[in-house]
Amino acid sequence: MRLIALPLLALVLIGAKADDGVATAERLRDAALADNQAWELVESLTTEVGPRLAGTDKEAQARAWAVAKLKALGFQNVHVEPFDLPVWVRGDERASVVGEHAQPLAISALGRSGATPAAGIEAEIVHFASTEALEAAPAEAVRGKIAFVTHAMRRTQDGSSYGYFGSVRRSAPSIGASKGAVAVLIRSLGTDYHRNPHTGGTSWAEGQAPIPAAALSLPDSDQLERLLKLGKPVRVKLVMTPRFTGPGTSGNVIGEIVGREAPDEVVVIGGHLDSWDLGTGAIDDGAGVAITTAAAKVIMESKQRPRRTIRVVLWGAEEVGLVGGAAYAEAHARDKTIMAAESDFGAGRIWKFGYRVAETAKPLMTTIARVLSPLGITHDTTNSNRGGPDIGALAAIGVPTLAPEQDGSDYFDLHHTPDDTLDKIDPKALDQNVAAYAAMTWLVADSDVALGPVATGAR
């Protein structure tokens, strides 16, 4: 009997410990639903700082804001990890159809766009229905013209349409430049029908001189297509004066809750601190900054320090090329990073819990999913979700990722537009996000389960 009783007692004790962790997670979840810390944070950031273009004085102001907030909230080891980057700023931007059907067009320069001469340029439009169509076109069909590239992006809950059609913004300007285009206009990567163009970064081939590249609002893109269907040449005048101001500084802001037993084991959560300059960066990504900071604060206020260290990382310079994410991964490559999660898809309610972990960690994922279920969150068991963009560099070196997925049905109505402002956030949805992150983060941080390693390689 004694040989049987001891293992049974051990199982009872292990079960009790697990139940205690779940009970704590449930209390944290419920406490977060009654808290308004995230709203206060995103309201403060968007009101007191506003737009936070990477490398500019406004992003530096945001870092100072973040350091002050994290210290005031009681985080430990608060500091900035700076890094250098080339700084691009927006200038004047105007476009108009000239000739018989003269009319203005609403445009926004893409990040890292080149500039026109001060007096502008005027050229004939040539239309392509996709990046692939532009790539397949002979250079003589593009040379000396303004390439106008459209797409068929649609509204989706998970944002997958954006991922597929995103090459129009990321690659089409460089392809156009390689074929001799004098400029590239794209249909905004958005789902709204307001005259608010969607900005966003573009990339250039190594050694390639940037040409003017801009996004048209969706109504203006449709209008330009209708003009082209009249069967006559359409000419557009562009005036765009963005510029690179030289090398500058950005940085990642970090604060911690130091673990009680395994402080060298780190659970990373966060959002990116920079934003584009058209709105105030409320949904992209003031919300993510607020959600993850508030979730860690809920844990801190419970007076129960987790076994592992929780590290809140507010990444810099995400919008201009994931610069902060790459800098963080390089600086912390030797850390014992147990898990990484990033909130960077707005402020909609979380509807699904996904992850990418070792097979041995799946029971813990099932426990997390069960605790999140009362929040209306389903369980994605595919074990393939690498999470947000800034943790991509960590995922690439095998760090396990957790991915609470938000409802993005209306995210691309606002994304990278002047409409990205505080009034678009639902405080109750924000609290639901905090509740999910607090429970999830606690269960990982207070555990001794190894979530990795996971296989590296392509997505």
Protein backbone atom coordinates (compact mmCIF):
# COMPACT_ATOMS: atom_id res chain seq x y z
CA MET A 1 0.00 0.00 0.00
CA ARG A 2 2.83 2.42 0.84
CA LEU A 3 4.39 1.91 -2.62
CA ILE A 4 1.11 3.06 -4.19
CA ALA A 5 0.27 5.85 -1.74
CA LEU A 6 3.39 7.92 -2.29
CA PRO A 7 2.93 8.32 -6.06
CA LEU A 8 -0.75 9.08 -5.49
CA LEU A 9 0.18 11.78 -2.97
CA ALA A 10 2.66 13.25 -5.47
CA LEU A 11 -0.04 13.33 -8.14
CA VAL A 12 -2.43 15.05 -5.74
CA LEU A 13 0.18 17.68 -4.91
CA ILE A 14 1.04 18.26 -8.58
CA GLY A 15 -2.66 18.57 -9.38
CA ALA A 16 -3.17 21.01 -6.53
CA LYS A 17 -0.28 23.14 -7.76
CA ALA A 18 -1.70 23.18 -11.30
CA ASP A 19 -5.15 24.04 -9.97
CA ASP A 20 -3.68 26.91 -7.95
CA GLY A 21 -2.09 28.29 -11.12
CA VAL A 22 -5.37 28.06 -13.01
CA ALA A 23 -7.29 29.64 -10.16
CA THR A 24 -4.83 32.54 -10.11
CA ALA A 25 -5.11 32.94 -13.88
CA GLU A 26 -8.90 33.01 -13.60
CA ARG A 27 -8.72 35.68 -10.89
CA LEU A 28 -6.34 37.75 -13.04
CA ARG A 29 -8.64 37.34 -16.04
CA ASP A 30 -11.67 38.52 -14.09
CA ALA A 31 -9.79 41.40 -12.43
CA ALA A 32 -8.64 42.67 -15.83
CA LEU A 33 -12.23 42.78 -17.09
CA ALA A 34 -13.02 45.28 -14.34
CA ASP A 35 -9.90 47.40 -14.90
CA ASN A 36 -9.44 50.41 -17.18
CA GLN A 37 -5.64 50.64 -17.09
CA ALA A 38 -5.25 49.93 -20.82
CA TRP A 39 -7.65 52.69 -21.82
CA GLU A 40 -5.82 55.17 -19.60
CA LEU A 41 -2.51 54.21 -21.17
CA VAL A 42 -3.59 54.44 -24.80
CA GLU A 43 -5.46 57.68 -24.09
CA SER A 44 -2.33 59.16 -22.53
CA LEU A 45 -0.01 58.04 -25.35
CA THR A 46 -2.22 59.25 -28.18
CA THR A 47 -3.12 62.53 -26.46
CA GLU A 48 0.19 63.56 -24.94
CA VAL A 49 2.47 62.29 -27.72
CA GLY A 50 0.29 61.66 -30.79
CA PRO A 51 1.92 60.43 -34.04
CA ARG A 52 5.29 58.74 -33.50
CA LEU A 53 7.17 58.37 -36.78
CA ALA A 54 10.29 56.22 -36.37
CA GLY A 55 13.51 58.08 -35.68
CA THR A 56 11.87 61.47 -35.20
CA ASP A 57 11.61 63.68 -32.13
CA LYS A 58 8.04 62.42 -31.65
CA GLU A 59 9.19 58.83 -31.32
CA ALA A 60 11.84 59.99 -28.83
CA GLN A 61 9.06 61.71 -26.89
CA ALA A 62 7.15 58.41 -26.89
CA ARG A 63 10.16 56.58 -25.44
CA ALA A 64 10.42 59.14 -22.67
CA TRP A 65 6.68 58.73 -22.04
CA ALA A 66 7.05 54.93 -21.90
CA VAL A 67 9.98 55.01 -19.48
CA ALA A 68 8.09 57.35 -17.16
CA LYS A 69 4.92 55.23 -17.32
CA LEU A 70 6.66 51.90 -16.72
CA LYS A 71 8.53 53.30 -13.73
CA ALA A 72 5.39 54.89 -12.29
CA LEU A 73 3.52 51.59 -12.67
CA GLY A 74 6.19 49.77 -10.66
CA PHE A 75 8.11 47.82 -13.31
CA GLN A 76 11.70 46.86 -12.61
CA ASN A 77 14.82 47.33 -14.73
CA VAL A 78 13.17 49.98 -16.92
CA HIS A 79 15.51 51.10 -19.67
CA VAL A 80 15.88 51.94 -23.37
CA GLU A 81 17.97 49.91 -25.77
CA PRO A 82 18.80 52.35 -28.61
CA PHE A 83 19.67 51.57 -32.22
CA ASP A 84 20.38 53.63 -35.32
CA LEU A 85 18.37 53.85 -38.52
CA PRO A 86 17.92 56.11 -41.57
CA VAL A 87 15.09 58.57 -40.95
CA TRP A 88 12.44 59.31 -43.59
CA VAL A 89 9.92 62.13 -43.23
CA ARG A 90 6.85 63.11 -45.23
CA GLY A 91 6.66 66.32 -47.23
CA ASP A 92 4.11 67.89 -49.53
CA GLU A 93 1.97 65.39 -51.48
CA ARG A 94 -0.53 66.28 -54.19
CA ALA A 95 -1.87 64.51 -57.24
CA SER A 96 -4.33 65.45 -59.94
CA VAL A 97 -5.62 64.21 -63.26
CA VAL A 98 -4.83 66.79 -65.92
CA GLY A 99 -6.46 67.46 -69.26
CA GLU A 100 -10.08 66.96 -70.30
CA HIS A 101 -11.15 65.24 -67.08
CA ALA A 102 -9.02 67.30 -64.68
CA GLN A 103 -9.64 66.57 -60.97
CA PRO A 104 -7.70 66.13 -57.73
CA LEU A 105 -6.71 62.74 -56.33
CA ALA A 106 -6.21 61.87 -52.64
CA ILE A 107 -2.77 60.31 -52.13
CA SER A 108 -0.32 59.55 -49.35
CA ALA A 109 3.38 58.91 -49.90
CA LEU A 110 4.59 55.44 -48.98
CA GLY A 111 7.33 55.22 -46.40
CA ARG A 112 10.80 55.48 -48.00
CA SER A 113 9.28 56.95 -51.18
CA GLY A 114 11.45 59.06 -53.40
CA ALA A 115 10.56 62.65 -54.26
CA THR A 116 9.54 64.51 -57.39
CA PRO A 117 11.21 67.78 -58.36
CA ALA A 118 9.70 70.69 -56.45
CA ALA A 119 7.51 71.56 -59.45
CA GLY A 120 6.32 67.95 -59.74
CA ILE A 121 6.16 65.52 -62.63
CA GLU A 122 3.46 64.81 -65.20
CA ALA A 123 3.14 61.52 -67.06
CA GLU A 124 0.70 59.07 -68.59
CA ILE A 125 -0.85 56.37 -66.41
CA VAL A 126 -0.41 52.68 -67.24
CA HIS A 127 -2.59 50.30 -65.24
CA PHE A 128 -1.75 46.85 -63.84
CA ALA A 129 -4.24 44.71 -61.91
CA SER A 130 -1.58 43.12 -59.68
CA THR A 131 2.08 43.11 -58.78
CA GLU A 132 2.47 40.00 -60.94
CA ALA A 133 1.03 41.83 -63.95
CA LEU A 134 3.51 44.67 -63.48
CA GLU A 135 6.37 42.21 -63.11
CA ALA A 136 5.38 40.43 -66.33
CA ALA A 137 5.11 43.64 -68.36
CA PRO A 138 7.88 44.56 -70.80
CA ALA A 139 9.96 47.55 -69.74
CA GLU A 140 8.88 49.52 -72.82
CA ALA A 141 5.27 49.42 -71.57
CA VAL A 142 6.29 51.11 -68.31
CA ARG A 143 9.25 53.32 -69.12
CA GLY A 144 8.56 57.04 -68.68
CA LYS A 145 5.04 56.43 -67.28
CA ILE A 146 3.34 56.34 -63.91
CA ALA A 147 2.59 52.71 -63.10
CA PHE A 148 -0.80 52.37 -61.39
CA VAL A 149 -1.11 49.02 -59.58
CA THR A 150 -4.33 47.69 -58.05
CA HIS A 151 -5.35 44.50 -56.24
CA ALA A 152 -8.36 42.58 -54.94
CA MET A 153 -7.87 42.81 -51.17
CA ARG A 154 -11.03 41.98 -49.20
CA ARG A 155 -12.25 42.32 -45.63
CA THR A 156 -11.33 39.29 -43.48
CA GLN A 157 -11.47 38.53 -39.77
CA ASP A 158 -7.87 37.37 -39.57
CA GLY A 159 -6.23 39.88 -41.94
CA SER A 160 -5.09 37.16 -44.34
CA SER A 161 -6.11 39.18 -47.40
CA TYR A 162 -3.66 41.91 -46.39
CA GLY A 163 -0.85 39.40 -46.10
CA TYR A 164 -1.52 38.04 -49.59
CA PHE A 165 -1.97 41.34 -51.41
CA GLY A 166 0.64 43.28 -49.42
CA SER A 167 3.22 42.85 -52.18
CA VAL A 168 1.47 45.68 -54.05
CA ARG A 169 2.82 48.12 -51.48
CA ARG A 170 6.03 46.37 -50.49
CA SER A 171 7.31 45.42 -53.96
CA ALA A 172 5.47 47.15 -56.80
CA PRO A 173 7.31 50.50 -56.51
CA SER A 174 10.69 48.79 -56.78
CA ILE A 175 9.52 46.69 -59.73
CA GLY A 176 8.19 49.81 -61.44
CA ALA A 177 11.48 51.61 -60.87
CA SER A 178 13.41 48.70 -62.38
CA LYS A 179 11.33 49.04 -65.58
CA GLY A 180 11.83 52.79 -65.89
CA ALA A 181 8.58 54.11 -64.36
CA VAL A 182 8.82 57.74 -63.26
CA ALA A 183 6.49 57.02 -60.33
CA VAL A 184 4.18 54.33 -58.93
CA LEU A 185 0.67 54.76 -57.58
CA ILE A 186 -1.02 51.88 -55.77
CA ARG A 187 -4.55 51.23 -54.64
CA SER A 188 -4.41 51.62 -50.84
CA LEU A 189 -4.24 48.39 -48.87
CA GLY A 190 -7.50 49.06 -47.06
CA THR A 191 -11.16 48.15 -46.84
CA ASP A 192 -12.77 51.54 -46.18
CA TYR A 193 -14.33 53.77 -48.80
CA HIS A 194 -13.29 57.16 -47.44
CA ARG A 195 -10.89 59.51 -49.15
CA ASN A 196 -8.22 58.55 -46.63
CA PRO A 197 -5.21 56.99 -48.35
CA HIS A 198 -3.38 54.25 -46.41
CA THR A 199 0.34 54.85 -46.06
CA GLY A 200 2.88 52.13 -45.17
CA GLY A 201 6.42 51.15 -45.94
CA THR A 202 7.83 50.05 -49.26
CA SER A 203 11.16 48.43 -50.10
CA TRP A 204 13.76 49.10 -52.76
CA ALA A 205 16.23 46.74 -54.36
CA GLU A 206 19.82 47.01 -53.17
CA GLY A 207 21.38 50.14 -54.66
CA GLN A 208 18.15 51.25 -56.32
CA ALA A 209 17.28 54.96 -56.26
CA PRO A 210 13.76 55.42 -54.82
CA ILE A 211 11.17 56.93 -57.16
CA PRO A 212 7.97 58.69 -56.05
CA ALA A 213 5.56 56.06 -54.68
CA ALA A 214 2.14 56.80 -53.21
CA ALA A 215 -1.15 55.17 -52.25
CA LEU A 216 -4.48 56.36 -53.61
CA SER A 217 -7.59 56.27 -51.46
CA LEU A 218 -9.98 53.54 -52.58
CA PRO A 219 -12.57 55.95 -54.05
CA ASP A 220 -9.82 57.72 -56.00
CA SER A 221 -8.39 54.42 -57.20
CA ASP A 222 -11.83 53.42 -58.49
CA GLN A 223 -12.20 56.82 -60.15
CA LEU A 224 -8.86 56.48 -61.91
CA GLU A 225 -9.86 53.03 -63.20
CA ARG A 226 -13.12 54.46 -64.55
CA LEU A 227 -11.24 57.21 -66.36
CA LEU A 228 -8.94 54.64 -67.94
CA LYS A 229 -11.95 52.63 -69.12
CA LEU A 230 -13.03 55.60 -71.24
CA GLY A 231 -10.32 54.46 -73.61
CA LYS A 232 -8.28 57.65 -73.76
CA PRO A 233 -4.82 58.32 -72.30
CA VAL A 234 -4.96 59.61 -68.72
CA ARG A 235 -2.21 61.89 -67.46
CA VAL A 236 -1.52 62.64 -63.81
CA LYS A 237 0.58 65.33 -62.18
CA LEU A 238 2.38 64.44 -58.95
CA VAL A 239 4.08 66.70 -56.44
CA MET A 240 5.79 64.74 -53.64
CA THR A 241 8.59 66.05 -51.44
CA PRO A 242 9.45 63.43 -48.80
CA ARG A 243 13.07 63.15 -47.82
CA PHE A 244 15.60 61.21 -45.82
CA THR A 245 16.97 63.43 -43.07
CA GLY A 246 20.04 61.28 -42.37
CA PRO A 247 20.89 58.80 -39.64
CA GLY A 248 18.82 58.92 -36.48
CA THR A 249 18.04 56.96 -33.34
CA SER A 250 15.17 54.77 -32.27
CA GLY A 251 15.01 52.27 -29.43
CA ASN A 252 13.17 49.52 -27.59
CA VAL A 253 11.75 50.35 -24.16
CA ILE A 254 11.85 47.52 -21.63
CA GLY A 255 10.37 46.94 -18.18
CA GLU A 256 10.21 43.74 -16.13
CA ILE A 257 8.52 41.83 -13.35
CA VAL A 258 11.48 39.80 -12.13
CA GLY A 259 10.70 36.13 -11.53
CA ARG A 260 10.85 34.70 -8.01
CA GLU A 261 12.57 31.37 -8.81
CA ALA A 262 13.84 31.49 -12.39
CA PRO A 263 14.57 35.16 -13.12
CA ASP A 264 16.81 34.24 -16.05
CA GLU A 265 13.86 32.60 -17.85
CA VAL A 266 12.04 35.35 -19.73
CA VAL A 267 8.47 35.61 -21.01
CA VAL A 268 8.26 38.45 -23.55
CA ILE A 269 5.07 40.38 -24.29
CA GLY A 270 4.65 43.79 -25.90
CA GLY A 271 3.63 46.02 -28.79
CA HIS A 272 5.38 48.56 -30.98
CA LEU A 273 5.71 52.13 -29.81
CA ASP A 274 6.17 53.93 -33.12
CA SER A 275 3.38 54.76 -35.57
CA TRP A 276 2.80 56.34 -38.93
CA ASP A 277 2.31 60.08 -38.95
CA LEU A 278 -1.20 60.46 -40.41
CA GLY A 279 -3.27 59.56 -37.32
CA THR A 280 -2.35 59.23 -33.64
CA GLY A 281 -1.43 55.55 -33.75
CA ALA A 282 -4.26 54.41 -31.47
CA ILE A 283 -5.02 51.03 -33.01
CA ASP A 284 -1.56 50.65 -34.57
CA ASP A 285 -0.13 50.15 -32.11
CA GLY A 286 -1.02 52.23 -29.09
CA ALA A 287 -3.59 49.57 -28.26
CA GLY A 288 -0.97 46.81 -28.25
CA VAL A 289 1.34 48.85 -26.02
CA ALA A 290 -1.55 49.44 -23.60
CA ILE A 291 -2.91 45.86 -23.65
CA THR A 292 0.37 44.16 -22.82
CA THR A 293 1.53 46.76 -20.30
CA ALA A 294 -1.83 46.65 -18.52
CA ALA A 295 -1.81 42.83 -18.51
CA ALA A 296 1.57 42.78 -16.77
CA LYS A 297 0.35 45.45 -14.34
CA VAL A 298 -2.67 43.28 -13.43
CA ILE A 299 -0.24 40.47 -12.55
CA MET A 300 1.89 42.88 -10.54
CA GLU A 301 -1.11 44.14 -8.59
CA SER A 302 -2.08 40.58 -7.61
CA LYS A 303 0.98 40.53 -5.31
CA GLN A 304 1.87 37.08 -6.67
CA ARG A 305 5.24 37.25 -8.37
CA PRO A 306 5.54 34.67 -11.16
CA ARG A 307 8.19 31.99 -11.20
CA ARG A 308 9.74 33.38 -14.42
CA THR A 309 10.47 36.98 -15.42
CA ILE A 310 7.84 38.81 -17.43
CA ARG A 311 9.45 41.33 -19.77
CA VAL A 312 7.34 44.00 -21.45
CA VAL A 313 9.03 45.18 -24.66
CA LEU A 314 7.78 48.27 -26.48
CA TRP A 315 9.53 47.98 -29.82
CA GLY A 316 10.69 50.98 -31.82
CA ALA A 317 10.72 51.51 -35.58
CA GLU A 318 8.37 48.67 -36.48
CA GLU A 319 6.55 50.52 -39.25
CA VAL A 320 9.66 51.30 -41.26
CA GLY A 321 10.90 47.71 -41.47
CA LEU A 322 10.74 45.81 -38.15
CA VAL A 323 14.00 47.45 -37.13
CA GLY A 324 13.31 47.26 -33.39
CA GLY A 325 12.30 43.62 -33.54
CA ALA A 326 15.52 42.68 -35.32
CA ALA A 327 17.62 44.77 -32.91
CA TYR A 328 15.96 43.12 -29.90
CA ALA A 329 16.48 39.60 -31.24
CA GLU A 330 20.15 40.30 -31.91
CA ALA A 331 20.73 41.87 -28.49
CA HIS A 332 18.91 39.06 -26.65
CA ALA A 333 19.82 36.03 -28.74
CA ARG A 334 21.45 34.35 -25.73
CA ASP A 335 18.59 35.02 -23.31
CA LYS A 336 16.50 32.10 -22.08
CA THR A 337 13.38 33.36 -23.83
CA ILE A 338 10.59 30.96 -22.90
CA MET A 339 7.86 32.58 -25.01
CA ALA A 340 7.13 35.72 -27.01
CA ALA A 341 3.77 37.32 -27.81
CA GLU A 342 2.94 40.64 -29.47
CA SER A 343 -0.32 42.57 -29.69
CA ASP A 344 -0.29 44.38 -33.05
CA PHE A 345 -3.63 43.98 -34.78
CA GLY A 346 -5.71 46.78 -33.32
CA ALA A 347 -8.12 46.78 -30.43
CA GLY A 348 -10.80 44.31 -31.53
CA ARG A 349 -11.86 41.44 -29.28
CA ILE A 350 -9.65 38.36 -29.25
CA TRP A 351 -11.55 35.51 -30.89
CA LYS A 352 -8.92 32.77 -31.23
CA PHE A 353 -5.89 31.53 -29.30
CA GLY A 354 -3.03 30.15 -31.40
CA TYR A 355 0.62 29.34 -30.80
CA ARG A 356 3.77 27.64 -32.05
CA VAL A 357 5.36 25.50 -29.33
CA ALA A 358 7.02 22.15 -28.74
CA GLU A 359 4.69 19.15 -28.69
CA THR A 360 5.42 18.65 -24.99
CA ALA A 361 3.94 22.09 -24.23
CA LYS A 362 0.56 21.36 -25.79
CA PRO A 363 -1.08 20.36 -22.47
CA LEU A 364 -0.24 23.81 -21.11
CA MET A 365 -1.73 25.37 -24.25
CA THR A 366 -4.92 23.39 -23.64
CA THR A 367 -5.03 24.73 -20.09
CA ILE A 368 -4.59 28.30 -21.35
CA ALA A 369 -7.32 27.80 -23.94
CA ARG A 370 -9.67 26.52 -21.24
CA VAL A 371 -9.04 29.61 -19.08
CA LEU A 372 -9.59 31.90 -22.07
CA SER A 373 -12.77 30.16 -23.19
CA PRO A 374 -15.15 32.22 -20.98
CA LEU A 375 -13.88 35.31 -22.85
CA GLY A 376 -15.36 33.91 -26.08
CA ILE A 377 -11.98 32.76 -27.38
CA THR A 378 -11.67 29.58 -29.45
CA HIS A 379 -8.66 27.24 -29.55
CA ASP A 380 -6.53 26.94 -32.70
CA THR A 381 -4.69 23.62 -32.35
CA THR A 382 -2.69 23.80 -35.59
CA ASN A 383 0.44 24.82 -33.64
CA SER A 384 1.66 27.02 -36.49
CA ASN A 385 1.12 30.67 -35.48
CA ARG A 386 4.30 32.73 -35.17
CA GLY A 387 2.49 35.77 -33.83
CA GLY A 388 3.10 39.47 -34.45
CA PRO A 389 5.72 41.07 -36.70
CA ASP A 390 8.20 42.26 -34.07
CA ILE A 391 8.62 38.76 -32.64
CA GLY A 392 9.27 37.30 -36.09
CA ALA A 393 13.03 37.54 -35.60
CA LEU A 394 12.71 35.62 -32.32
CA ALA A 395 10.49 32.99 -33.95
CA ALA A 396 13.13 32.59 -36.67
CA ILE A 397 15.67 31.45 -34.07
CA GLY A 398 13.26 28.98 -32.47
CA VAL A 399 11.59 30.99 -29.71
CA PRO A 400 8.06 29.65 -29.01
CA THR A 401 5.27 32.12 -29.79
CA LEU A 402 1.75 32.59 -28.46
CA ALA A 403 -0.81 34.41 -30.58
CA PRO A 404 -4.13 35.61 -29.19
CA GLU A 405 -5.80 36.68 -32.46
CA GLN A 406 -7.98 39.79 -32.54
CA ASP A 407 -11.01 40.34 -34.72
CA GLY A 408 -9.63 42.40 -37.59
CA SER A 409 -12.85 42.72 -39.58
CA ASP A 410 -12.63 46.53 -39.55
CA TYR A 411 -8.91 46.90 -38.87
CA PHE A 412 -8.07 47.80 -42.46
CA ASP A 413 -10.68 50.54 -42.48
CA LEU A 414 -8.31 52.44 -40.18
CA HIS A 415 -4.85 50.98 -40.72
CA HIS A 416 -2.18 53.60 -41.60
CA THR A 417 -4.79 56.34 -42.16
CA PRO A 418 -5.71 59.66 -40.51
CA ASP A 419 -8.64 57.75 -38.97
CA ASP A 420 -6.36 55.77 -36.65
CA THR A 421 -7.47 57.69 -33.56
CA LEU A 422 -8.57 56.93 -30.00
CA ASP A 423 -12.31 57.17 -30.66
CA LYS A 424 -12.13 53.97 -32.73
CA ILE A 425 -11.28 51.87 -29.66
CA ASP A 426 -13.99 50.06 -27.69
CA PRO A 427 -12.90 50.10 -24.01
CA LYS A 428 -14.69 46.81 -23.27
CA ALA A 429 -12.94 45.05 -26.13
CA LEU A 430 -9.66 46.48 -24.86
CA ASP A 431 -10.35 45.03 -21.39
CA GLN A 432 -11.10 41.62 -22.92
CA ASN A 433 -7.65 41.70 -24.56
CA VAL A 434 -5.99 42.58 -21.26
CA ALA A 435 -7.83 39.74 -19.53
CA ALA A 436 -6.61 37.23 -22.11
CA TYR A 437 -3.01 38.45 -22.02
CA ALA A 438 -2.92 38.54 -18.20
CA ALA A 439 -4.19 34.96 -17.83
CA MET A 440 -2.06 33.58 -20.64
CA THR A 441 1.11 35.34 -19.51
CA TRP A 442 0.68 34.24 -15.91
CA LEU A 443 0.18 30.60 -16.82
CA VAL A 444 3.39 30.56 -18.86
CA ALA A 445 5.42 32.71 -16.47
CA ASP A 446 4.46 30.76 -13.34
CA SER A 447 5.05 27.40 -15.02
CA ASP A 448 8.16 25.28 -15.25
CA VAL A 449 7.07 23.81 -18.59
CA ALA A 450 9.54 24.19 -21.47
CA LEU A 451 7.65 25.58 -24.47
CA GLY A 452 10.50 25.02 -26.89
CA PRO A 453 12.64 24.54 -28.77
CA VAL A 454 10.59 24.73 -31.93
CA ALA A 455 11.77 24.16 -35.48
CA THR A 456 13.16 27.19 -37.29
CA GLY A 457 12.80 28.00 -40.97
CA ALA A 458 10.23 29.55 -43.28
CA ARG A 459 6.69 30.28 -42.23
